[in-house]
Amino acid sequence: MIGLSLIFTACISDWLAPISVDPSAFLSALSTDCVVNPLITPSKVTHLAFNQQTTDSLYARSQAVTVRIKTGRNGGSGILIQRQGQQYTVLTNRHVTTVGAPYVIQTPDGRSHPATLRKNIDFRGNDLALLQFRARGKYAIATLGTAKHLAKGEPVIAAGFPLDLPAASGPALHISVGKVSLLPHQAFQGGYQIGYTNLIYQGMSGGPVLNLRGQVIGLNSLHAYPLWGDPYIFEDGSQPPRSQRQTIVQSSWAVPIDTFRAIVNQ
């Protein structure tokens, strides 16, 4: 064990309870993405035709557990996964972090908090990192689910703070709706193993990928059509079949939350 006792249950209000919804109806009714101001409640910004209570619940969950991370000139997103007294732990991608740079986390209420990087955890080459900050306010903690039973075509929601989509009154949370496009037999280097159709922008790395129960099943880690290199190499050094290449490149990619849980449980 590494001394990190994770909270896998939701907290705060009733909308964090599991919800039941027909996946096909949900996908057909939702727009592909939505940009909201973190300080505005979802009911004021969503315009979706599906059951409003369900829609608001999913959008509210995404909004409540997603934070913005600022580090030097760079930045990204993160997920609130633990509260111990006044100390909060945020899960994000390793590539969001910058060695030696100060970290600031902006919580859903718009407040900024200085943060520190946990350096005593070996994530075994997976694109994962933990930040911690202290705050008196009580923030929602994400419910961590599992990606073990995901199926191709299953709807998913992704959230994060794009670097190039500022809102007039501050950074905007971008919520994107899509579906699982590919689940390779092993992860790519970096731990990427969930392919999905959601539109992901630079800056959304580290933000949550949720199922329709509002549970975090992965972290946004790699957007479609990467600008440099070839990240699609499996952990054993092999390459995916050519028949899957187009789907792979067109997909966003996430590190499954199970990868994180397996590491911290040891």
C-alpha atoms as a PDB file:
ATOM      1  CA  MET A   1       0.000   0.000   0.000  1.00  0.00           C
ATOM      2  CA  ILE A   2       1.145   3.573  -0.603  1.00  0.00           C
ATOM      3  CA  GLY A   3      -0.722   5.299   2.195  1.00  0.00           C
ATOM      4  CA  LEU A   4      -3.520   6.601  -0.016  1.00  0.00           C
ATOM      5  CA  SER A   5      -6.938   5.536   1.225  1.00  0.00           C
ATOM      6  CA  LEU A   6      -9.304   6.181  -1.666  1.00  0.00           C
ATOM      7  CA  ILE A   7     -12.945   7.088  -1.338  1.00  0.00           C
ATOM      8  CA  PHE A   8     -14.927   5.249  -4.008  1.00  0.00           C
ATOM      9  CA  THR A   9     -18.348   6.443  -2.896  1.00  0.00           C
ATOM     10  CA  ALA A  10     -20.054   9.646  -3.891  1.00  0.00           C
ATOM     11  CA  CYS A  11     -20.822  12.444  -1.515  1.00  0.00           C
ATOM     12  CA  ILE A  12     -22.778  15.654  -1.119  1.00  0.00           C
ATOM     13  CA  SER A  13     -26.190  15.664  -2.818  1.00  0.00           C
ATOM     14  CA  ASP A  14     -28.862  13.303  -4.101  1.00  0.00           C
ATOM     15  CA  TRP A  15     -27.911  13.732  -7.744  1.00  0.00           C
ATOM     16  CA  LEU A  16     -24.834  11.617  -7.077  1.00  0.00           C
ATOM     17  CA  ALA A  17     -27.019   8.528  -6.666  1.00  0.00           C
ATOM     18  CA  PRO A  18     -26.900   6.032  -9.586  1.00  0.00           C
ATOM     19  CA  ILE A  19     -29.305   6.743 -12.418  1.00  0.00           C
ATOM     20  CA  SER A  20     -30.869   4.461 -14.969  1.00  0.00           C
ATOM     21  CA  VAL A  21     -31.254   5.449 -18.597  1.00  0.00           C
ATOM     22  CA  ASP A  22     -31.626   3.762 -21.958  1.00  0.00           C
ATOM     23  CA  PRO A  23     -28.258   4.236 -23.745  1.00  0.00           C
ATOM     24  CA  SER A  24     -29.631   4.391 -27.301  1.00  0.00           C
ATOM     25  CA  ALA A  25     -32.245   6.968 -26.369  1.00  0.00           C
ATOM     26  CA  PHE A  26     -29.649   9.007 -24.526  1.00  0.00           C
ATOM     27  CA  LEU A  27     -27.255   9.146 -27.465  1.00  0.00           C
ATOM     28  CA  SER A  28     -29.927   9.998 -29.990  1.00  0.00           C
ATOM     29  CA  ALA A  29     -31.195  12.891 -27.893  1.00  0.00           C
ATOM     30  CA  LEU A  30     -27.929  14.476 -26.749  1.00  0.00           C
ATOM     31  CA  SER A  31     -25.959  17.027 -28.691  1.00  0.00           C
ATOM     32  CA  THR A  32     -22.323  16.054 -29.285  1.00  0.00           C
ATOM     33  CA  ASP A  33     -20.864  18.534 -26.841  1.00  0.00           C
ATOM     34  CA  CYS A  34     -21.652  21.420 -24.527  1.00  0.00           C
ATOM     35  CA  VAL A  35     -19.577  24.229 -23.060  1.00  0.00           C
ATOM     36  CA  VAL A  36     -20.631  25.473 -19.637  1.00  0.00           C
ATOM     37  CA  ASN A  37     -19.313  28.021 -17.204  1.00  0.00           C
ATOM     38  CA  PRO A  38     -18.307  26.209 -13.983  1.00  0.00           C
ATOM     39  CA  LEU A  39     -20.153  28.780 -11.892  1.00  0.00           C
ATOM     40  CA  ILE A  40     -23.488  28.254 -13.683  1.00  0.00           C
ATOM     41  CA  THR A  41     -25.713  25.326 -12.788  1.00  0.00           C
ATOM     42  CA  PRO A  42     -26.227  22.827 -15.623  1.00  0.00           C
ATOM     43  CA  SER A  43     -29.991  23.406 -15.728  1.00  0.00           C
ATOM     44  CA  LYS A  44     -29.327  26.945 -16.947  1.00  0.00           C
ATOM     45  CA  VAL A  45     -27.014  25.994 -19.768  1.00  0.00           C
ATOM     46  CA  THR A  46     -28.193  22.674 -21.158  1.00  0.00           C
ATOM     47  CA  HIS A  47     -30.674  22.584 -23.985  1.00  0.00           C
ATOM     48  CA  LEU A  48     -31.034  18.865 -24.552  1.00  0.00           C
ATOM     49  CA  ALA A  49     -34.242  17.116 -25.525  1.00  0.00           C
ATOM     50  CA  PHE A  50     -33.725  14.054 -23.358  1.00  0.00           C
ATOM     51  CA  ASN A  51     -35.110  13.731 -19.811  1.00  0.00           C
ATOM     52  CA  GLN A  52     -33.888  16.969 -18.242  1.00  0.00           C
ATOM     53  CA  GLN A  53     -33.379  15.472 -14.792  1.00  0.00           C
ATOM     54  CA  THR A  54     -31.100  12.763 -16.173  1.00  0.00           C
ATOM     55  CA  THR A  55     -29.203  15.213 -18.341  1.00  0.00           C
ATOM     56  CA  ASP A  56     -28.726  17.693 -15.517  1.00  0.00           C
ATOM     57  CA  SER A  57     -27.587  14.921 -13.198  1.00  0.00           C
ATOM     58  CA  LEU A  58     -24.853  13.708 -15.538  1.00  0.00           C
ATOM     59  CA  TYR A  59     -23.703  17.207 -16.387  1.00  0.00           C
ATOM     60  CA  ALA A  60     -23.754  18.184 -12.704  1.00  0.00           C
ATOM     61  CA  ARG A  61     -21.605  15.198 -11.774  1.00  0.00           C
ATOM     62  CA  SER A  62     -19.074  16.098 -14.455  1.00  0.00           C
ATOM     63  CA  GLN A  63     -19.000  19.702 -13.326  1.00  0.00           C
ATOM     64  CA  ALA A  64     -18.751  18.931  -9.609  1.00  0.00           C
ATOM     65  CA  VAL A  65     -15.716  16.602  -9.764  1.00  0.00           C
ATOM     66  CA  THR A  66     -13.658  18.201 -12.558  1.00  0.00           C
ATOM     67  CA  VAL A  67     -10.997  20.778 -11.698  1.00  0.00           C
ATOM     68  CA  ARG A  68      -8.728  22.955 -13.766  1.00  0.00           C
ATOM     69  CA  ILE A  69      -4.980  22.565 -13.258  1.00  0.00           C
ATOM     70  CA  LYS A  70      -2.573  25.420 -13.948  1.00  0.00           C
ATOM     71  CA  THR A  71       1.158  24.735 -13.960  1.00  0.00           C
ATOM     72  CA  GLY A  72       3.467  27.444 -15.270  1.00  0.00           C
ATOM     73  CA  ARG A  73       2.400  28.186 -18.832  1.00  0.00           C
ATOM     74  CA  ASN A  74       0.791  24.798 -19.214  1.00  0.00           C
ATOM     75  CA  GLY A  75      -2.372  23.343 -17.797  1.00  0.00           C
ATOM     76  CA  GLY A  76      -4.926  20.611 -17.922  1.00  0.00           C
ATOM     77  CA  SER A  77      -7.767  19.056 -15.999  1.00  0.00           C
ATOM     78  CA  GLY A  78      -8.147  16.715 -13.054  1.00  0.00           C
ATOM     79  CA  ILE A  79     -10.603  14.669 -11.011  1.00  0.00           C
ATOM     80  CA  LEU A  80     -11.389  15.102  -7.320  1.00  0.00           C
ATOM     81  CA  ILE A  81     -10.980  11.571  -5.927  1.00  0.00           C
ATOM     82  CA  GLN A  82     -10.394  11.969  -2.198  1.00  0.00           C
ATOM     83  CA  ARG A  83     -10.999  14.237   0.777  1.00  0.00           C
ATOM     84  CA  GLN A  84      -9.268  13.776   4.131  1.00  0.00           C
ATOM     85  CA  GLY A  85     -10.189  16.640   6.419  1.00  0.00           C
ATOM     86  CA  GLN A  86      -9.191  19.751   4.502  1.00  0.00           C
ATOM     87  CA  GLN A  87      -6.833  17.912   2.166  1.00  0.00           C
ATOM     88  CA  TYR A  88      -8.021  16.951  -1.322  1.00  0.00           C
ATOM     89  CA  THR A  89      -6.398  14.604  -3.815  1.00  0.00           C
ATOM     90  CA  VAL A  90      -6.711  15.141  -7.573  1.00  0.00           C
ATOM     91  CA  LEU A  91      -6.007  12.506 -10.223  1.00  0.00           C
ATOM     92  CA  THR A  92      -4.666  13.718 -13.552  1.00  0.00           C
ATOM     93  CA  ASN A  93      -2.277  12.786 -16.369  1.00  0.00           C
ATOM     94  CA  ARG A  94       1.473  12.809 -15.904  1.00  0.00           C
ATOM     95  CA  HIS A  95       1.907  14.877 -19.071  1.00  0.00           C
ATOM     96  CA  VAL A  96      -0.172  17.649 -17.471  1.00  0.00           C
ATOM     97  CA  THR A  97       2.494  18.103 -14.787  1.00  0.00           C
ATOM     98  CA  THR A  98       5.663  20.178 -15.162  1.00  0.00           C
ATOM     99  CA  VAL A  99       8.714  19.440 -13.041  1.00  0.00           C
ATOM    100  CA  GLY A 100       9.631  22.362 -10.809  1.00  0.00           C
ATOM    101  CA  ALA A 101       6.623  24.497 -11.737  1.00  0.00           C
ATOM    102  CA  PRO A 102       4.103  25.734  -9.152  1.00  0.00           C
ATOM    103  CA  TYR A 103       0.685  24.112  -9.311  1.00  0.00           C
ATOM    104  CA  VAL A 104      -2.662  25.847  -8.897  1.00  0.00           C
ATOM    105  CA  ILE A 105      -5.985  24.010  -8.878  1.00  0.00           C
ATOM    106  CA  GLN A 106      -9.204  25.828  -9.657  1.00  0.00           C
ATOM    107  CA  THR A 107     -12.196  24.149  -8.028  1.00  0.00           C
ATOM    108  CA  PRO A 108     -15.780  24.193  -9.384  1.00  0.00           C
ATOM    109  CA  ASP A 109     -16.624  27.245  -7.255  1.00  0.00           C
ATOM    110  CA  GLY A 110     -13.980  29.262  -9.119  1.00  0.00           C
ATOM    111  CA  ARG A 111     -11.497  29.417  -6.240  1.00  0.00           C
ATOM    112  CA  SER A 112      -7.787  28.778  -6.788  1.00  0.00           C
ATOM    113  CA  HIS A 113      -5.661  26.664  -4.457  1.00  0.00           C
ATOM    114  CA  PRO A 114      -1.888  26.049  -4.446  1.00  0.00           C
ATOM    115  CA  ALA A 115      -1.148  22.357  -4.925  1.00  0.00           C
ATOM    116  CA  THR A 116       1.721  19.907  -4.640  1.00  0.00           C
ATOM    117  CA  LEU A 117       2.658  16.884  -6.714  1.00  0.00           C
ATOM    118  CA  ARG A 118       2.795  13.452  -5.072  1.00  0.00           C
ATOM    119  CA  LYS A 119       6.215  12.126  -6.039  1.00  0.00           C
ATOM    120  CA  ASN A 120       6.375   8.902  -4.031  1.00  0.00           C
ATOM    121  CA  ILE A 121       4.182   6.778  -6.296  1.00  0.00           C
ATOM    122  CA  ASP A 122       5.454   4.584  -9.121  1.00  0.00           C
ATOM    123  CA  PHE A 123       2.800   4.598 -11.836  1.00  0.00           C
ATOM    124  CA  ARG A 124       4.855   2.136 -13.900  1.00  0.00           C
ATOM    125  CA  GLY A 125       4.970   4.203 -17.068  1.00  0.00           C
ATOM    126  CA  ASN A 126       1.242   4.939 -17.084  1.00  0.00           C
ATOM    127  CA  ASP A 127       0.232   8.509 -17.846  1.00  0.00           C
ATOM    128  CA  LEU A 128      -0.998   9.211 -14.307  1.00  0.00           C
ATOM    129  CA  ALA A 129      -0.184  11.673 -11.524  1.00  0.00           C
ATOM    130  CA  LEU A 130      -1.622  12.880  -8.227  1.00  0.00           C
ATOM    131  CA  LEU A 131      -1.861  16.426  -6.913  1.00  0.00           C
ATOM    132  CA  GLN A 132      -2.964  17.540  -3.459  1.00  0.00           C
ATOM    133  CA  PHE A 133      -4.293  20.814  -2.100  1.00  0.00           C
ATOM    134  CA  ARG A 134      -5.945  22.100   1.055  1.00  0.00           C
ATOM    135  CA  ALA A 135      -9.290  23.901   1.240  1.00  0.00           C
ATOM    136  CA  ARG A 136     -11.929  24.589   3.842  1.00  0.00           C
ATOM    137  CA  GLY A 137     -14.778  24.226   1.378  1.00  0.00           C
ATOM    138  CA  LYS A 138     -16.466  20.863   0.852  1.00  0.00           C
ATOM    139  CA  TYR A 139     -16.249  19.651  -2.729  1.00  0.00           C
ATOM    140  CA  ALA A 140     -17.836  16.610  -4.313  1.00  0.00           C
ATOM    141  CA  ILE A 141     -15.710  13.480  -4.649  1.00  0.00           C
ATOM    142  CA  ALA A 142     -15.949  11.358  -7.797  1.00  0.00           C
ATOM    143  CA  THR A 143     -17.391   7.863  -7.748  1.00  0.00           C
ATOM    144  CA  LEU A 144     -14.812   5.567  -9.345  1.00  0.00           C
ATOM    145  CA  GLY A 145     -16.359   2.816 -11.420  1.00  0.00           C
ATOM    146  CA  THR A 146     -14.735   0.191 -13.624  1.00  0.00           C
ATOM    147  CA  ALA A 147     -13.978  -0.161 -17.305  1.00  0.00           C
ATOM    148  CA  LYS A 148     -13.820  -3.953 -17.146  1.00  0.00           C
ATOM    149  CA  HIS A 149     -17.323  -4.411 -18.496  1.00  0.00           C
ATOM    150  CA  LEU A 150     -17.269  -1.682 -21.140  1.00  0.00           C
ATOM    151  CA  ALA A 151     -18.523  -2.626 -24.582  1.00  0.00           C
ATOM    152  CA  LYS A 152     -17.992  -1.066 -27.974  1.00  0.00           C
ATOM    153  CA  GLY A 153     -20.788   1.407 -28.693  1.00  0.00           C
ATOM    154  CA  GLU A 154     -21.502   2.148 -25.026  1.00  0.00           C
ATOM    155  CA  PRO A 155     -22.212   5.866 -24.385  1.00  0.00           C
ATOM    156  CA  VAL A 156     -19.660   7.858 -22.395  1.00  0.00           C
ATOM    157  CA  ILE A 157     -19.313  11.475 -21.269  1.00  0.00           C
ATOM    158  CA  ALA A 158     -15.988  13.318 -21.133  1.00  0.00           C
ATOM    159  CA  ALA A 159     -15.253  16.610 -19.377  1.00  0.00           C
ATOM    160  CA  GLY A 160     -12.354  19.016 -19.074  1.00  0.00           C
ATOM    161  CA  PHE A 161     -11.094  22.564 -19.517  1.00  0.00           C
ATOM    162  CA  PRO A 162      -9.840  23.259 -23.069  1.00  0.00           C
ATOM    163  CA  LEU A 163      -6.965  25.715 -23.245  1.00  0.00           C
ATOM    164  CA  ASP A 164      -8.304  27.419 -26.376  1.00  0.00           C
ATOM    165  CA  LEU A 165     -12.016  27.730 -25.520  1.00  0.00           C
ATOM    166  CA  PRO A 166     -12.195  30.503 -22.895  1.00  0.00           C
ATOM    167  CA  ALA A 167     -15.546  31.712 -21.633  1.00  0.00           C
ATOM    168  CA  ALA A 168     -16.290  35.417 -21.280  1.00  0.00           C
ATOM    169  CA  SER A 169     -16.348  35.164 -17.482  1.00  0.00           C
ATOM    170  CA  GLY A 170     -13.614  32.588 -17.011  1.00  0.00           C
ATOM    171  CA  PRO A 171     -12.426  29.135 -18.157  1.00  0.00           C
ATOM    172  CA  ALA A 172     -15.237  27.009 -19.552  1.00  0.00           C
ATOM    173  CA  LEU A 173     -15.846  23.365 -18.763  1.00  0.00           C
ATOM    174  CA  HIS A 174     -16.354  21.397 -21.968  1.00  0.00           C
ATOM    175  CA  ILE A 175     -18.621  18.348 -21.737  1.00  0.00           C
ATOM    176  CA  SER A 176     -18.589  15.982 -24.705  1.00  0.00           C
ATOM    177  CA  VAL A 177     -20.904  13.064 -25.427  1.00  0.00           C
ATOM    178  CA  GLY A 178     -19.857  10.047 -27.474  1.00  0.00           C
ATOM    179  CA  LYS A 179     -19.430   6.293 -27.352  1.00  0.00           C
ATOM    180  CA  VAL A 180     -16.745   3.672 -26.963  1.00  0.00           C
ATOM    181  CA  SER A 181     -15.111   3.039 -30.339  1.00  0.00           C
ATOM    182  CA  LEU A 182     -12.397   0.506 -29.572  1.00  0.00           C
ATOM    183  CA  LEU A 183     -11.126  -1.604 -26.654  1.00  0.00           C
ATOM    184  CA  PRO A 184      -7.778  -3.176 -27.624  1.00  0.00           C
ATOM    185  CA  HIS A 185      -6.632  -6.356 -25.924  1.00  0.00           C
ATOM    186  CA  GLN A 186      -3.770  -4.494 -24.247  1.00  0.00           C
ATOM    187  CA  ALA A 187      -2.977  -0.875 -23.488  1.00  0.00           C
ATOM    188  CA  PHE A 188      -0.852   1.401 -25.594  1.00  0.00           C
ATOM    189  CA  GLN A 189       2.304   2.764 -23.996  1.00  0.00           C
ATOM    190  CA  GLY A 190       1.177   5.249 -21.385  1.00  0.00           C
ATOM    191  CA  GLY A 191      -1.748   3.060 -20.366  1.00  0.00           C
ATOM    192  CA  TYR A 192      -4.218   4.228 -23.025  1.00  0.00           C
ATOM    193  CA  GLN A 193      -6.783   1.484 -23.548  1.00  0.00           C
ATOM    194  CA  ILE A 194     -10.252   3.045 -23.981  1.00  0.00           C
ATOM    195  CA  GLY A 195     -10.944   4.494 -27.410  1.00  0.00           C
ATOM    196  CA  TYR A 196     -14.004   6.757 -27.679  1.00  0.00           C
ATOM    197  CA  THR A 197     -15.589   9.194 -30.131  1.00  0.00           C
ATOM    198  CA  ASN A 198     -15.939  12.188 -27.781  1.00  0.00           C
ATOM    199  CA  LEU A 199     -14.338  15.393 -28.999  1.00  0.00           C
ATOM    200  CA  ILE A 200     -11.355  16.157 -26.751  1.00  0.00           C
ATOM    201  CA  TYR A 201      -9.328  19.372 -26.876  1.00  0.00           C
ATOM    202  CA  GLN A 202      -5.889  20.216 -25.552  1.00  0.00           C
ATOM    203  CA  GLY A 203      -6.310  21.048 -21.872  1.00  0.00           C
ATOM    204  CA  MET A 204      -8.947  18.378 -21.245  1.00  0.00           C
ATOM    205  CA  SER A 205      -6.231  15.841 -20.431  1.00  0.00           C
ATOM    206  CA  GLY A 206      -6.755  14.434 -16.940  1.00  0.00           C
ATOM    207  CA  GLY A 207     -10.472  15.150 -16.938  1.00  0.00           C
ATOM    208  CA  PRO A 208     -12.992  12.367 -16.321  1.00  0.00           C
ATOM    209  CA  VAL A 209     -14.613   9.923 -18.701  1.00  0.00           C
ATOM    210  CA  LEU A 210     -17.919   8.826 -17.151  1.00  0.00           C
ATOM    211  CA  ASN A 211     -20.479   6.140 -17.867  1.00  0.00           C
ATOM    212  CA  LEU A 212     -24.222   6.804 -17.751  1.00  0.00           C
ATOM    213  CA  ARG A 213     -24.275   6.064 -14.020  1.00  0.00           C
ATOM    214  CA  GLY A 214     -22.008   9.038 -13.463  1.00  0.00           C
ATOM    215  CA  GLN A 215     -19.043   6.853 -12.473  1.00  0.00           C
ATOM    216  CA  VAL A 216     -15.515   7.720 -13.586  1.00  0.00           C
ATOM    217  CA  ILE A 217     -14.203   4.927 -15.805  1.00  0.00           C
ATOM    218  CA  GLY A 218     -11.148   6.648 -17.233  1.00  0.00           C
ATOM    219  CA  LEU A 219      -9.102   9.812 -17.761  1.00  0.00           C
ATOM    220  CA  ASN A 220      -8.977  11.844 -20.967  1.00  0.00           C
ATOM    221  CA  SER A 221      -5.398  11.340 -22.091  1.00  0.00           C
ATOM    222  CA  LEU A 222      -4.964  11.557 -25.864  1.00  0.00           C
ATOM    223  CA  HIS A 223      -7.079  13.434 -28.391  1.00  0.00           C
ATOM    224  CA  ALA A 224      -7.761  12.202 -31.916  1.00  0.00           C
ATOM    225  CA  TYR A 225      -5.267  12.926 -34.700  1.00  0.00           C
ATOM    226  CA  PRO A 226      -2.201  13.601 -32.510  1.00  0.00           C
ATOM    227  CA  LEU A 227       0.031  16.347 -33.854  1.00  0.00           C
ATOM    228  CA  TRP A 228       3.356  14.541 -33.477  1.00  0.00           C
ATOM    229  CA  GLY A 229       4.814  11.060 -33.159  1.00  0.00           C
ATOM    230  CA  ASP A 230       3.016   7.734 -33.220  1.00  0.00           C
ATOM    231  CA  PRO A 231       1.581   6.974 -29.776  1.00  0.00           C
ATOM    232  CA  TYR A 232      -0.159   3.822 -30.953  1.00  0.00           C
ATOM    233  CA  ILE A 233       2.379   1.255 -29.804  1.00  0.00           C
ATOM    234  CA  PHE A 234       1.301  -1.442 -27.369  1.00  0.00           C
ATOM    235  CA  GLU A 235       3.075  -1.892 -24.060  1.00  0.00           C
ATOM    236  CA  ASP A 236       4.816  -5.026 -25.344  1.00  0.00           C
ATOM    237  CA  GLY A 237       6.260  -3.081 -28.308  1.00  0.00           C
ATOM    238  CA  SER A 238       3.903  -4.492 -30.938  1.00  0.00           C
ATOM    239  CA  GLN A 239       1.664  -2.408 -33.187  1.00  0.00           C
ATOM    240  CA  PRO A 240      -2.096  -2.669 -33.772  1.00  0.00           C
ATOM    241  CA  PRO A 241      -3.392  -4.272 -36.973  1.00  0.00           C
ATOM    242  CA  ARG A 242      -3.704  -2.011 -40.021  1.00  0.00           C
ATOM    243  CA  SER A 243      -7.402  -2.786 -40.186  1.00  0.00           C
ATOM    244  CA  GLN A 244      -7.910  -0.835 -36.956  1.00  0.00           C
ATOM    245  CA  ARG A 245      -5.608   2.059 -37.773  1.00  0.00           C
ATOM    246  CA  GLN A 246      -8.249   4.491 -39.017  1.00  0.00           C
ATOM    247  CA  THR A 247     -10.520   3.907 -36.018  1.00  0.00           C
ATOM    248  CA  ILE A 248      -7.568   4.286 -33.659  1.00  0.00           C
ATOM    249  CA  VAL A 249      -6.430   7.608 -35.123  1.00  0.00           C
ATOM    250  CA  GLN A 250      -9.969   9.003 -35.192  1.00  0.00           C
ATOM    251  CA  SER A 251     -10.568   8.119 -31.541  1.00  0.00           C
ATOM    252  CA  SER A 252      -9.757   9.900 -28.302  1.00  0.00           C
ATOM    253  CA  TRP A 253      -7.996   7.675 -25.755  1.00  0.00           C
ATOM    254  CA  ALA A 254      -8.264   7.278 -22.001  1.00  0.00           C
ATOM    255  CA  VAL A 255      -6.356   5.481 -19.270  1.00  0.00           C
ATOM    256  CA  PRO A 256      -8.872   3.134 -17.561  1.00  0.00           C
ATOM    257  CA  ILE A 257      -9.547   3.973 -13.927  1.00  0.00           C
ATOM    258  CA  ASP A 258      -8.861   0.294 -13.178  1.00  0.00           C
ATOM    259  CA  THR A 259      -5.184   0.887 -13.978  1.00  0.00           C
ATOM    260  CA  PHE A 260      -4.992   3.547 -11.286  1.00  0.00           C
ATOM    261  CA  ARG A 261      -6.910   1.467  -8.752  1.00  0.00           C
ATOM    262  CA  ALA A 262      -4.700  -1.578  -9.307  1.00  0.00           C
ATOM    263  CA  ILE A 263      -1.576   0.495  -8.605  1.00  0.00           C
ATOM    264  CA  VAL A 264      -2.804   2.214  -5.442  1.00  0.00           C
ATOM    265  CA  ASN A 265      -4.244  -1.026  -4.079  1.00  0.00           C
ATOM    266  CA  GLN A 266      -0.733  -2.450  -4.050  1.00  0.00           C
END
